[in-house]
Amino acid sequence: MESGISNPDLLNQSAPGQAREVLVSNLGALIRQERQKRGLTLAQTCERAHISSAFLSLVERGKAMPSLGSLAGIAEALGLPVSTFLQVGLNADAVTRDGQRAQFSIGSSTLRYERLSTIFPGQQIDAVMIHVPPGYRAETISHTGEEWIYIVAGEFHQTIDGTTIVLGPGDTCHFRGDSPHSYANRGKAPVKVIWVGTVPVFRNGDKPQGIHP
């Protein structure tokens, strides 16, 4: 079910390579509105989204900004596509060029993304480049499906089922989404990661599932 909120004027446009926000300005209020419309309590929504009640409460009050993965989990819990809460333009074809992709962020989050995948009938995966700033730590989530990551630059700490793996440039990790997982950049330099998953993040009309970018 679409909420009908897709006004491009709510987006901050940018030139290729520059960061722009792609989040509706009233995210927290919109999430609360959709949750209450469905008769769901905060606890029920968080159980479905596999996030903490404290975190969702902060998001609804505008005190915290979710990652793309957490936002997808919230959307799934509410039976909505992620496009209800953000808009990312479609790639014109199958090719994206390094240095020419527009970067986007969710609200005031310090994470930046570049969309790598496009949309076509029967598509099974989505992909993004994630720029993780020093000191960033993601919340723990779980979901159906699979994730695959490739470290382009920096030292990346990936935690799966309570075990932390340190990954460097050229390293990869492929894991089940239903294993509780999170990540962090504990270094002093930015980390660049390619994320590929089976979750329909950008596919309008599909029922989204939680991912972890």
Protein backbone atom coordinates (compact mmCIF):
# COMPACT_ATOMS: atom_id res chain seq x y z
CA MET A 1 0.00 0.00 0.00
CA GLU A 2 1.42 3.38 -1.02
CA SER A 3 1.05 6.43 1.18
CA GLY A 4 1.13 8.78 -1.79
CA ILE A 5 3.99 10.86 -0.36
CA SER A 6 6.45 11.26 -3.21
CA ASN A 7 6.84 15.00 -3.67
CA PRO A 8 10.19 15.67 -5.38
CA ASP A 9 10.25 19.13 -3.77
CA LEU A 10 11.01 17.36 -0.47
CA LEU A 11 14.39 16.30 -1.85
CA ASN A 12 17.60 18.29 -1.89
CA GLN A 13 18.93 17.94 -5.43
CA SER A 14 22.66 17.78 -6.16
CA ALA A 15 25.12 17.38 -8.96
CA PRO A 16 26.66 13.95 -9.63
CA GLY A 17 28.97 12.89 -6.81
CA GLN A 18 27.55 15.36 -4.32
CA ALA A 19 25.44 14.26 -1.36
CA ARG A 20 21.73 15.00 -1.20
CA GLU A 21 19.00 14.08 1.24
CA VAL A 22 16.26 11.81 -0.07
CA LEU A 23 14.12 11.70 3.04
CA VAL A 24 10.68 13.19 3.55
CA SER A 25 10.97 16.05 6.04
CA ASN A 26 8.41 14.60 8.49
CA LEU A 27 9.78 11.06 8.69
CA GLY A 28 9.14 10.45 12.38
CA ALA A 29 5.61 11.81 12.29
CA LEU A 30 4.86 9.82 9.12
CA ILE A 31 6.08 6.57 10.66
CA ARG A 32 4.00 7.18 13.79
CA GLN A 33 0.97 8.03 11.66
CA GLU A 34 1.29 4.84 9.58
CA ARG A 35 1.92 2.73 12.69
CA GLN A 36 -1.14 4.08 14.52
CA LYS A 37 -3.26 3.76 11.36
CA ARG A 38 -2.55 0.02 11.50
CA GLY A 39 -3.29 -0.22 15.22
CA LEU A 40 0.26 -1.29 16.01
CA THR A 41 2.02 -0.47 19.26
CA LEU A 42 5.63 0.62 19.33
CA ALA A 43 6.63 -2.79 20.70
CA GLN A 44 4.69 -4.69 18.01
CA THR A 45 6.25 -2.65 15.24
CA CYS A 46 9.74 -3.13 16.64
CA GLU A 47 9.23 -6.88 16.96
CA ARG A 48 8.33 -7.04 13.28
CA ALA A 49 11.15 -4.72 12.24
CA HIS A 50 13.76 -6.44 14.46
CA ILE A 51 14.86 -3.14 16.03
CA SER A 52 14.65 -1.83 19.59
CA SER A 53 11.66 0.12 20.89
CA ALA A 54 13.98 2.78 22.25
CA PHE A 55 15.46 3.37 18.82
CA LEU A 56 12.08 3.59 17.03
CA SER A 57 10.80 5.94 19.71
CA LEU A 58 13.75 8.25 19.02
CA VAL A 59 13.08 8.07 15.27
CA GLU A 60 9.39 8.90 15.70
CA ARG A 61 10.31 11.92 17.86
CA GLY A 62 12.88 13.12 15.35
CA LYS A 63 15.77 12.45 17.75
CA ALA A 64 17.47 9.72 15.68
CA MET A 65 17.91 8.99 11.98
CA PRO A 66 17.65 5.38 10.71
CA SER A 67 20.07 3.76 8.31
CA LEU A 68 18.73 2.55 4.97
CA GLY A 69 18.57 -0.96 6.46
CA SER A 70 16.59 0.06 9.53
CA LEU A 71 14.24 2.16 7.39
CA ALA A 72 13.58 -0.87 5.18
CA GLY A 73 12.80 -2.95 8.28
CA ILE A 74 10.35 -0.34 9.55
CA ALA A 75 8.70 -0.16 6.12
CA GLU A 76 8.34 -3.95 6.06
CA ALA A 77 6.76 -3.93 9.54
CA LEU A 78 4.20 -1.41 8.31
CA GLY A 79 3.56 -3.22 5.01
CA LEU A 80 4.89 -0.29 2.98
CA PRO A 81 7.57 0.07 0.29
CA VAL A 82 10.67 1.99 1.31
CA SER A 83 9.76 4.52 -1.39
CA THR A 84 7.07 5.79 1.01
CA PHE A 85 9.84 7.42 3.01
CA LEU A 86 12.49 8.30 0.43
CA GLN A 87 12.94 8.79 -3.28
CA VAL A 88 16.04 7.80 -5.23
CA GLY A 89 16.01 8.36 -8.99
CA LEU A 90 16.16 5.33 -11.26
CA ASN A 91 19.30 4.68 -13.23
CA ALA A 92 18.60 5.18 -16.92
CA ASP A 93 20.24 1.90 -17.89
CA ALA A 94 22.43 -0.91 -16.54
CA VAL A 95 25.60 1.21 -16.39
CA THR A 96 26.73 3.58 -13.62
CA ARG A 97 30.04 5.47 -13.81
CA ASP A 98 32.49 5.95 -10.98
CA GLY A 99 32.52 9.59 -9.92
CA GLN A 100 29.26 10.34 -11.77
CA ARG A 101 26.77 8.74 -9.38
CA ALA A 102 24.84 11.15 -7.16
CA GLN A 103 25.37 10.37 -3.48
CA PHE A 104 22.45 10.46 -1.09
CA SER A 105 21.93 10.36 2.65
CA ILE A 106 18.90 9.76 4.86
CA GLY A 107 18.11 12.98 6.69
CA SER A 108 20.99 14.07 8.92
CA SER A 109 22.65 10.62 8.93
CA THR A 110 26.40 10.67 8.35
CA LEU A 111 26.16 7.57 6.13
CA ARG A 112 26.26 8.30 2.41
CA TYR A 113 25.07 5.98 -0.35
CA GLU A 114 25.48 5.60 -4.11
CA ARG A 115 22.88 3.58 -5.97
CA LEU A 116 24.51 0.89 -8.15
CA SER A 117 21.52 -1.16 -9.33
CA THR A 118 18.62 -0.39 -11.64
CA ILE A 119 15.14 -1.94 -12.08
CA PHE A 120 13.84 -4.47 -14.58
CA PRO A 121 11.22 -7.28 -14.54
CA GLY A 122 12.30 -10.30 -12.51
CA GLN A 123 15.09 -8.43 -10.75
CA GLN A 124 16.32 -10.30 -7.66
CA ILE A 125 18.97 -8.02 -6.12
CA ASP A 126 19.66 -4.39 -5.23
CA ALA A 127 23.08 -2.81 -4.72
CA VAL A 128 24.54 0.31 -3.15
CA MET A 129 27.94 1.75 -2.36
CA ILE A 130 28.07 2.75 1.32
CA HIS A 131 30.45 5.42 2.63
CA VAL A 132 30.89 4.80 6.38
CA PRO A 133 32.46 7.66 8.36
CA PRO A 134 34.95 7.09 11.20
CA GLY A 135 33.29 6.16 14.48
CA TYR A 136 30.00 5.08 12.92
CA ARG A 137 28.25 2.06 14.47
CA ALA A 138 25.07 0.59 12.95
CA GLU A 139 22.18 -0.80 14.99
CA THR A 140 21.69 -4.59 15.05
CA ILE A 141 19.01 -5.94 12.73
CA SER A 142 17.90 -9.24 11.15
CA HIS A 143 15.65 -10.11 8.22
CA THR A 144 14.95 -12.69 5.53
CA GLY A 145 17.20 -12.99 2.49
CA GLU A 146 20.92 -12.68 1.89
CA GLU A 147 23.61 -10.01 2.01
CA TRP A 148 26.99 -9.81 0.28
CA ILE A 149 29.55 -7.09 0.91
CA TYR A 150 32.86 -6.14 -0.69
CA ILE A 151 35.27 -3.78 1.05
CA VAL A 152 36.61 -1.19 -1.38
CA ALA A 153 38.60 0.92 1.11
CA GLY A 154 39.24 1.07 4.85
CA GLU A 155 38.87 -1.35 7.76
CA PHE A 156 35.34 -2.63 8.30
CA HIS A 157 34.06 -4.43 11.40
CA GLN A 158 31.16 -6.77 10.52
CA THR A 159 29.37 -8.48 13.42
CA ILE A 160 27.25 -11.58 12.74
CA ASP A 161 25.61 -13.62 15.51
CA GLY A 162 27.78 -11.87 18.10
CA THR A 163 31.06 -12.58 16.29
CA THR A 164 32.99 -9.62 14.86
CA ILE A 165 35.05 -10.05 11.70
CA VAL A 166 37.59 -7.42 10.61
CA LEU A 167 37.57 -6.92 6.84
CA GLY A 168 39.95 -4.93 4.67
CA PRO A 169 40.14 -3.84 1.02
CA GLY A 170 39.35 -6.73 -1.33
CA ASP A 171 37.69 -8.83 1.39
CA THR A 172 34.11 -10.06 1.03
CA CYS A 173 31.45 -11.47 3.34
CA HIS A 174 28.28 -13.37 2.35
CA PHE A 175 25.73 -14.19 5.06
CA ARG A 176 22.11 -14.93 5.87
CA GLY A 177 19.99 -11.93 6.69
CA ASP A 178 18.17 -13.71 9.53
CA SER A 179 21.43 -13.81 11.52
CA PRO A 180 21.48 -10.73 13.79
CA HIS A 181 24.10 -8.42 12.32
CA SER A 182 25.58 -4.95 12.54
CA TYR A 183 28.72 -3.14 11.45
CA ALA A 184 31.07 -0.38 12.52
CA ASN A 185 33.96 1.76 11.39
CA ARG A 186 36.30 1.85 14.39
CA GLY A 187 39.15 3.51 12.52
CA LYS A 188 40.05 7.10 11.74
CA ALA A 189 39.52 6.88 7.97
CA PRO A 190 36.28 6.52 5.97
CA VAL A 191 35.27 3.04 4.81
CA LYS A 192 33.80 2.33 1.38
CA VAL A 193 31.68 -0.82 1.03
CA ILE A 194 29.69 -2.34 -1.84
CA TRP A 195 26.48 -3.94 -0.50
CA VAL A 196 24.41 -6.38 -2.57
CA GLY A 197 21.22 -7.99 -1.23
CA THR A 198 18.06 -9.81 -2.20
CA VAL A 199 15.85 -7.15 -0.63
CA PRO A 200 13.72 -4.94 -2.94
CA VAL A 201 14.99 -1.61 -1.62
CA PHE A 202 14.33 0.43 -4.75
CA ARG A 203 11.57 -1.61 -6.40
CA ASN A 204 8.35 0.38 -6.00
CA GLY A 205 5.32 -1.73 -5.20
CA ASP A 206 7.25 -4.73 -3.87
CA LYS A 207 6.91 -5.62 -0.23
CA PRO A 208 10.24 -4.58 1.29
CA GLN A 209 12.21 -6.57 3.83
CA GLY A 210 14.89 -5.38 6.22
CA ILE A 211 18.37 -4.85 4.90
CA HIS A 212 21.39 -3.54 6.59
CA PRO A 213 22.98 -0.74 4.64
